[in-house]
Amino acid sequence: MILQEGPGWRLARDSLRGEFNILVGGEGWAFELTSPEWKEFVDLLSTLEAQHSALKDQLMAEEAIELELDRGVWWGCLAGDCQSWSLAIVLTPEEGRGVEGFWPAPTAAALVAAVRTLG
């Protein structure tokens, strides 16, 4: 099992757990993902972070930005300013369970950095 965690977030991957082998969590909550859902989740977060990085230098200190991305079964929203941001996600598959998650700033950036290492 691979486990990473920090204040307000945690990630775990356990290949022996069967279909739902990746755990993603926040402060007091968690959900499990399949490997294909995880790959799409990683892609969603990477895209949102890249979009923020491309735009943050154009923002004035007092400006805020909200980036939304709807990709397949995932929806994500990165909201913040040029320095920090929060992250909200929703999984809505055609069948089965759906999930929602939210990480406030600066927890969101720490989670995304950890997701990159597990990729």
N, C-alpha and C. Protein backbone atom coordinates (compact mmCIF):
# COMPACT_ATOMS: atom_id res chain seq x y z
N MET A 1 0.84 -1.18 0.00
CA MET A 1 0.00 0.00 0.00
C MET A 1 0.88 1.24 0.00
N ILE A 2 0.50 2.21 -0.81
CA ILE A 2 1.17 3.50 -0.85
C ILE A 2 0.24 4.50 -0.19
N LEU A 3 0.73 5.18 0.83
CA LEU A 3 -0.08 6.16 1.55
C LEU A 3 0.66 7.48 1.62
N GLN A 4 -0.03 8.54 1.28
CA GLN A 4 0.50 9.89 1.44
C GLN A 4 -0.59 10.71 2.10
N GLU A 5 -0.19 11.56 3.04
CA GLU A 5 -1.19 12.41 3.67
C GLU A 5 -0.55 13.67 4.23
N GLY A 6 -1.38 14.65 4.39
CA GLY A 6 -0.97 15.93 4.95
C GLY A 6 -2.16 16.56 5.63
N PRO A 7 -2.01 17.76 6.16
CA PRO A 7 -3.14 18.41 6.82
C PRO A 7 -4.31 18.64 5.85
N GLY A 8 -5.41 17.94 6.09
CA GLY A 8 -6.62 18.12 5.29
C GLY A 8 -6.73 17.28 4.04
N TRP A 9 -5.79 16.37 3.79
CA TRP A 9 -5.87 15.52 2.61
C TRP A 9 -5.16 14.19 2.86
N ARG A 10 -5.53 13.18 2.07
CA ARG A 10 -4.81 11.90 2.07
C ARG A 10 -5.08 11.15 0.78
N LEU A 11 -4.11 10.35 0.40
CA LEU A 11 -4.18 9.50 -0.79
C LEU A 11 -3.65 8.13 -0.41
N ALA A 12 -4.28 7.09 -0.91
CA ALA A 12 -3.78 5.74 -0.69
C ALA A 12 -4.06 4.91 -1.93
N ARG A 13 -3.09 4.09 -2.28
CA ARG A 13 -3.26 3.15 -3.40
C ARG A 13 -2.92 1.76 -2.88
N ASP A 14 -3.85 0.83 -3.05
CA ASP A 14 -3.65 -0.54 -2.59
C ASP A 14 -4.12 -1.47 -3.70
N SER A 15 -3.18 -2.02 -4.45
CA SER A 15 -3.52 -2.87 -5.60
C SER A 15 -4.23 -4.16 -5.19
N LEU A 16 -4.19 -4.51 -3.91
CA LEU A 16 -4.86 -5.73 -3.44
C LEU A 16 -6.34 -5.50 -3.11
N ARG A 17 -6.81 -4.27 -3.19
CA ARG A 17 -8.18 -3.94 -2.78
C ARG A 17 -9.23 -4.24 -3.85
N GLY A 18 -8.84 -4.69 -5.01
CA GLY A 18 -9.82 -5.00 -6.04
C GLY A 18 -10.18 -3.78 -6.88
N GLU A 19 -11.45 -3.65 -7.21
CA GLU A 19 -11.89 -2.62 -8.16
C GLU A 19 -11.63 -1.19 -7.66
N PHE A 20 -11.98 -0.91 -6.42
CA PHE A 20 -11.82 0.44 -5.87
C PHE A 20 -10.53 0.49 -5.06
N ASN A 21 -9.41 0.66 -5.76
CA ASN A 21 -8.11 0.50 -5.12
C ASN A 21 -7.39 1.81 -4.80
N ILE A 22 -8.04 2.94 -5.02
CA ILE A 22 -7.41 4.23 -4.72
C ILE A 22 -8.34 5.04 -3.84
N LEU A 23 -7.82 5.51 -2.72
CA LEU A 23 -8.59 6.31 -1.78
C LEU A 23 -8.12 7.76 -1.86
N VAL A 24 -9.07 8.67 -1.95
CA VAL A 24 -8.80 10.11 -1.97
C VAL A 24 -9.61 10.71 -0.84
N GLY A 25 -8.96 11.52 0.01
CA GLY A 25 -9.68 12.04 1.16
C GLY A 25 -9.41 13.49 1.45
N GLY A 26 -10.28 14.03 2.28
CA GLY A 26 -10.16 15.39 2.79
C GLY A 26 -10.27 15.36 4.30
N GLU A 27 -10.63 16.47 4.89
CA GLU A 27 -10.76 16.58 6.33
C GLU A 27 -12.01 15.83 6.80
N GLY A 28 -11.83 14.61 7.31
CA GLY A 28 -12.94 13.84 7.86
C GLY A 28 -13.79 13.09 6.85
N TRP A 29 -13.35 12.95 5.62
CA TRP A 29 -14.12 12.23 4.61
C TRP A 29 -13.16 11.61 3.59
N ALA A 30 -13.66 10.62 2.85
CA ALA A 30 -12.85 9.98 1.80
C ALA A 30 -13.78 9.25 0.83
N PHE A 31 -13.26 8.98 -0.36
CA PHE A 31 -13.97 8.14 -1.32
C PHE A 31 -12.94 7.29 -2.03
N GLU A 32 -13.41 6.18 -2.63
CA GLU A 32 -12.53 5.28 -3.35
C GLU A 32 -12.83 5.36 -4.85
N LEU A 33 -11.76 5.22 -5.63
CA LEU A 33 -11.86 5.30 -7.09
C LEU A 33 -11.33 4.03 -7.73
N THR A 34 -11.82 3.73 -8.93
CA THR A 34 -11.24 2.68 -9.75
C THR A 34 -9.99 3.25 -10.44
N SER A 35 -9.18 2.40 -11.01
CA SER A 35 -7.99 2.88 -11.72
C SER A 35 -8.33 3.81 -12.89
N PRO A 36 -9.34 3.49 -13.74
CA PRO A 36 -9.69 4.43 -14.81
C PRO A 36 -10.20 5.77 -14.27
N GLU A 37 -10.99 5.75 -13.20
CA GLU A 37 -11.46 7.00 -12.59
C GLU A 37 -10.29 7.81 -12.06
N TRP A 38 -9.32 7.13 -11.46
CA TRP A 38 -8.12 7.81 -10.94
C TRP A 38 -7.37 8.52 -12.06
N LYS A 39 -7.17 7.82 -13.18
CA LYS A 39 -6.45 8.42 -14.31
C LYS A 39 -7.16 9.68 -14.80
N GLU A 40 -8.48 9.63 -14.89
CA GLU A 40 -9.25 10.80 -15.32
C GLU A 40 -9.18 11.91 -14.27
N PHE A 41 -9.17 11.55 -12.99
CA PHE A 41 -9.04 12.51 -11.89
C PHE A 41 -7.70 13.23 -11.98
N VAL A 42 -6.63 12.47 -12.18
CA VAL A 42 -5.29 13.05 -12.32
C VAL A 42 -5.25 14.02 -13.50
N ASP A 43 -5.84 13.62 -14.62
CA ASP A 43 -5.87 14.48 -15.81
C ASP A 43 -6.65 15.76 -15.54
N LEU A 44 -7.78 15.65 -14.86
CA LEU A 44 -8.59 16.83 -14.52
C LEU A 44 -7.78 17.81 -13.67
N LEU A 45 -7.16 17.30 -12.61
CA LEU A 45 -6.38 18.17 -11.72
C LEU A 45 -5.19 18.78 -12.43
N SER A 46 -4.50 18.00 -13.24
CA SER A 46 -3.34 18.51 -13.98
C SER A 46 -3.75 19.63 -14.93
N THR A 47 -4.87 19.45 -15.61
CA THR A 47 -5.34 20.47 -16.54
C THR A 47 -5.73 21.75 -15.82
N LEU A 48 -6.47 21.63 -14.72
CA LEU A 48 -6.87 22.81 -13.95
C LEU A 48 -5.64 23.55 -13.41
N GLU A 49 -4.68 22.81 -12.89
CA GLU A 49 -3.47 23.44 -12.35
C GLU A 49 -2.68 24.13 -13.47
N ALA A 50 -2.57 23.49 -14.62
CA ALA A 50 -1.85 24.09 -15.75
C ALA A 50 -2.54 25.37 -16.23
N GLN A 51 -3.87 25.36 -16.27
CA GLN A 51 -4.60 26.56 -16.67
C GLN A 51 -4.37 27.69 -15.67
N HIS A 52 -4.37 27.37 -14.38
CA HIS A 52 -4.12 28.39 -13.36
C HIS A 52 -2.70 28.94 -13.51
N SER A 53 -1.74 28.06 -13.70
CA SER A 53 -0.35 28.50 -13.86
C SER A 53 -0.19 29.43 -15.06
N ALA A 54 -0.91 29.14 -16.13
CA ALA A 54 -0.82 29.96 -17.33
C ALA A 54 -1.45 31.34 -17.14
N LEU A 55 -2.42 31.44 -16.25
CA LEU A 55 -3.15 32.70 -16.07
C LEU A 55 -2.72 33.52 -14.86
N LYS A 56 -2.09 32.90 -13.88
CA LYS A 56 -1.86 33.59 -12.60
C LYS A 56 -0.99 34.84 -12.72
N ASP A 57 -0.05 34.87 -13.65
CA ASP A 57 0.80 36.05 -13.81
C ASP A 57 0.05 37.23 -14.43
N GLN A 58 -1.11 36.95 -15.00
CA GLN A 58 -1.92 38.02 -15.59
C GLN A 58 -2.89 38.63 -14.57
N LEU A 59 -3.00 38.01 -13.40
CA LEU A 59 -3.92 38.49 -12.38
C LEU A 59 -3.26 39.56 -11.51
N MET A 60 -4.03 40.56 -11.18
CA MET A 60 -3.57 41.56 -10.21
C MET A 60 -3.76 40.96 -8.82
N ALA A 61 -3.04 41.48 -7.84
CA ALA A 61 -3.05 40.91 -6.49
C ALA A 61 -4.46 40.76 -5.92
N GLU A 62 -5.34 41.70 -6.19
CA GLU A 62 -6.69 41.66 -5.62
C GLU A 62 -7.69 40.88 -6.47
N GLU A 63 -7.27 40.39 -7.63
CA GLU A 63 -8.18 39.66 -8.52
C GLU A 63 -8.29 38.19 -8.13
N ALA A 64 -9.49 37.67 -8.32
CA ALA A 64 -9.74 36.24 -8.10
C ALA A 64 -10.13 35.61 -9.43
N ILE A 65 -9.95 34.30 -9.50
CA ILE A 65 -10.28 33.57 -10.72
C ILE A 65 -10.98 32.28 -10.34
N GLU A 66 -11.87 31.84 -11.21
CA GLU A 66 -12.55 30.57 -11.02
C GLU A 66 -12.49 29.82 -12.35
N LEU A 67 -11.84 28.67 -12.34
CA LEU A 67 -11.70 27.85 -13.54
C LEU A 67 -12.53 26.59 -13.36
N GLU A 68 -13.44 26.34 -14.28
CA GLU A 68 -14.26 25.14 -14.25
C GLU A 68 -13.92 24.27 -15.45
N LEU A 69 -13.92 22.97 -15.22
CA LEU A 69 -13.62 22.03 -16.30
C LEU A 69 -14.57 20.85 -16.18
N ASP A 70 -15.26 20.55 -17.25
CA ASP A 70 -16.17 19.42 -17.34
C ASP A 70 -15.53 18.44 -18.31
N ARG A 71 -15.09 17.30 -17.79
CA ARG A 71 -14.38 16.35 -18.63
C ARG A 71 -14.89 14.94 -18.35
N GLY A 72 -15.67 14.41 -19.29
CA GLY A 72 -16.20 13.07 -19.12
C GLY A 72 -17.12 12.99 -17.92
N VAL A 73 -16.81 12.09 -17.00
CA VAL A 73 -17.62 11.91 -15.80
C VAL A 73 -17.21 12.85 -14.67
N TRP A 74 -16.17 13.64 -14.90
CA TRP A 74 -15.64 14.55 -13.87
C TRP A 74 -15.97 16.01 -14.16
N TRP A 75 -16.22 16.74 -13.09
CA TRP A 75 -16.32 18.20 -13.12
C TRP A 75 -15.39 18.70 -12.03
N GLY A 76 -14.64 19.75 -12.33
CA GLY A 76 -13.75 20.34 -11.33
C GLY A 76 -13.78 21.85 -11.38
N CYS A 77 -13.52 22.46 -10.23
CA CYS A 77 -13.48 23.91 -10.14
C CYS A 77 -12.31 24.32 -9.25
N LEU A 78 -11.41 25.08 -9.82
CA LEU A 78 -10.29 25.66 -9.08
C LEU A 78 -10.63 27.14 -8.90
N ALA A 79 -10.68 27.60 -7.65
CA ALA A 79 -11.07 28.99 -7.38
C ALA A 79 -10.07 29.61 -6.42
N GLY A 80 -9.57 30.79 -6.78
CA GLY A 80 -8.64 31.48 -5.90
C GLY A 80 -8.04 32.69 -6.56
N ASP A 81 -6.83 32.99 -6.17
CA ASP A 81 -6.13 34.15 -6.72
C ASP A 81 -4.78 33.69 -7.27
N CYS A 82 -3.88 34.63 -7.49
CA CYS A 82 -2.59 34.26 -8.08
C CYS A 82 -1.71 33.48 -7.11
N GLN A 83 -2.00 33.51 -5.83
CA GLN A 83 -1.17 32.85 -4.82
C GLN A 83 -1.70 31.49 -4.36
N SER A 84 -3.01 31.40 -4.12
CA SER A 84 -3.56 30.16 -3.57
C SER A 84 -4.96 29.93 -4.12
N TRP A 85 -5.42 28.69 -3.99
CA TRP A 85 -6.71 28.32 -4.56
C TRP A 85 -7.29 27.10 -3.86
N SER A 86 -8.61 27.00 -3.96
CA SER A 86 -9.33 25.83 -3.45
C SER A 86 -9.72 24.96 -4.65
N LEU A 87 -10.16 23.75 -4.35
CA LEU A 87 -10.50 22.81 -5.40
C LEU A 87 -11.77 22.06 -5.02
N ALA A 88 -12.73 22.03 -5.93
CA ALA A 88 -13.95 21.24 -5.76
C ALA A 88 -14.04 20.28 -6.94
N ILE A 89 -14.48 19.04 -6.67
CA ILE A 89 -14.62 18.05 -7.74
C ILE A 89 -15.94 17.31 -7.56
N VAL A 90 -16.48 16.82 -8.67
CA VAL A 90 -17.68 15.99 -8.65
C VAL A 90 -17.49 14.89 -9.69
N LEU A 91 -17.77 13.65 -9.29
CA LEU A 91 -17.77 12.50 -10.19
C LEU A 91 -19.22 12.06 -10.38
N THR A 92 -19.68 12.02 -11.63
CA THR A 92 -21.05 11.61 -11.93
C THR A 92 -21.05 10.58 -13.05
N PRO A 93 -20.76 9.33 -12.72
CA PRO A 93 -20.78 8.29 -13.75
C PRO A 93 -22.22 7.96 -14.17
N GLU A 94 -22.36 7.30 -15.30
CA GLU A 94 -23.69 6.92 -15.78
C GLU A 94 -24.35 5.91 -14.86
N GLU A 95 -23.54 5.06 -14.24
CA GLU A 95 -24.05 4.06 -13.30
C GLU A 95 -23.21 4.09 -12.04
N GLY A 96 -23.77 3.61 -10.96
CA GLY A 96 -23.01 3.48 -9.72
C GLY A 96 -22.99 4.75 -8.90
N ARG A 97 -22.07 4.78 -7.97
CA ARG A 97 -21.99 5.88 -7.01
C ARG A 97 -21.37 7.11 -7.63
N GLY A 98 -21.71 8.24 -7.07
CA GLY A 98 -21.09 9.50 -7.44
C GLY A 98 -20.36 10.03 -6.22
N VAL A 99 -19.44 10.93 -6.42
CA VAL A 99 -18.70 11.49 -5.29
C VAL A 99 -18.52 13.00 -5.47
N GLU A 100 -18.34 13.67 -4.35
CA GLU A 100 -17.99 15.08 -4.34
C GLU A 100 -16.85 15.27 -3.37
N GLY A 101 -15.99 16.21 -3.66
CA GLY A 101 -14.90 16.52 -2.75
C GLY A 101 -14.55 18.00 -2.80
N PHE A 102 -14.00 18.50 -1.71
CA PHE A 102 -13.57 19.89 -1.65
C PHE A 102 -12.35 20.00 -0.75
N TRP A 103 -11.35 20.73 -1.24
CA TRP A 103 -10.15 21.03 -0.46
C TRP A 103 -9.95 22.54 -0.48
N PRO A 104 -9.87 23.17 0.69
CA PRO A 104 -9.63 24.62 0.74
C PRO A 104 -8.17 24.94 0.43
N ALA A 105 -7.89 26.21 0.20
CA ALA A 105 -6.50 26.66 0.07
C ALA A 105 -5.89 26.66 1.47
N PRO A 106 -4.66 26.30 1.65
CA PRO A 106 -3.65 25.82 0.71
C PRO A 106 -3.63 24.30 0.57
N THR A 107 -4.58 23.62 1.22
CA THR A 107 -4.64 22.16 1.17
C THR A 107 -4.73 21.65 -0.27
N ALA A 108 -5.49 22.35 -1.11
CA ALA A 108 -5.70 21.91 -2.49
C ALA A 108 -4.38 21.78 -3.25
N ALA A 109 -3.50 22.75 -3.11
CA ALA A 109 -2.21 22.70 -3.82
C ALA A 109 -1.36 21.54 -3.32
N ALA A 110 -1.40 21.26 -2.02
CA ALA A 110 -0.65 20.13 -1.47
C ALA A 110 -1.19 18.81 -2.00
N LEU A 111 -2.51 18.70 -2.09
CA LEU A 111 -3.12 17.49 -2.65
C LEU A 111 -2.69 17.29 -4.10
N VAL A 112 -2.78 18.33 -4.91
CA VAL A 112 -2.43 18.21 -6.33
C VAL A 112 -0.96 17.84 -6.49
N ALA A 113 -0.09 18.39 -5.67
CA ALA A 113 1.33 18.02 -5.72
C ALA A 113 1.51 16.54 -5.40
N ALA A 114 0.78 16.03 -4.42
CA ALA A 114 0.87 14.62 -4.07
C ALA A 114 0.29 13.74 -5.16
N VAL A 115 -0.79 14.17 -5.78
CA VAL A 115 -1.40 13.41 -6.88
C VAL A 115 -0.39 13.25 -8.01
N ARG A 116 0.38 14.29 -8.29
CA ARG A 116 1.40 14.20 -9.35
C ARG A 116 2.41 13.10 -9.05
N THR A 117 2.76 12.89 -7.80
CA THR A 117 3.76 11.87 -7.46
C THR A 117 3.20 10.46 -7.59
N LEU A 118 1.90 10.29 -7.37
CA LEU A 118 1.28 8.97 -7.53
C LEU A 118 0.86 8.71 -8.97
N GLY A 119 0.50 9.80 -9.68
CA GLY A 119 0.06 9.79 -11.07
C GLY A 119 -0.29 8.49 -11.58
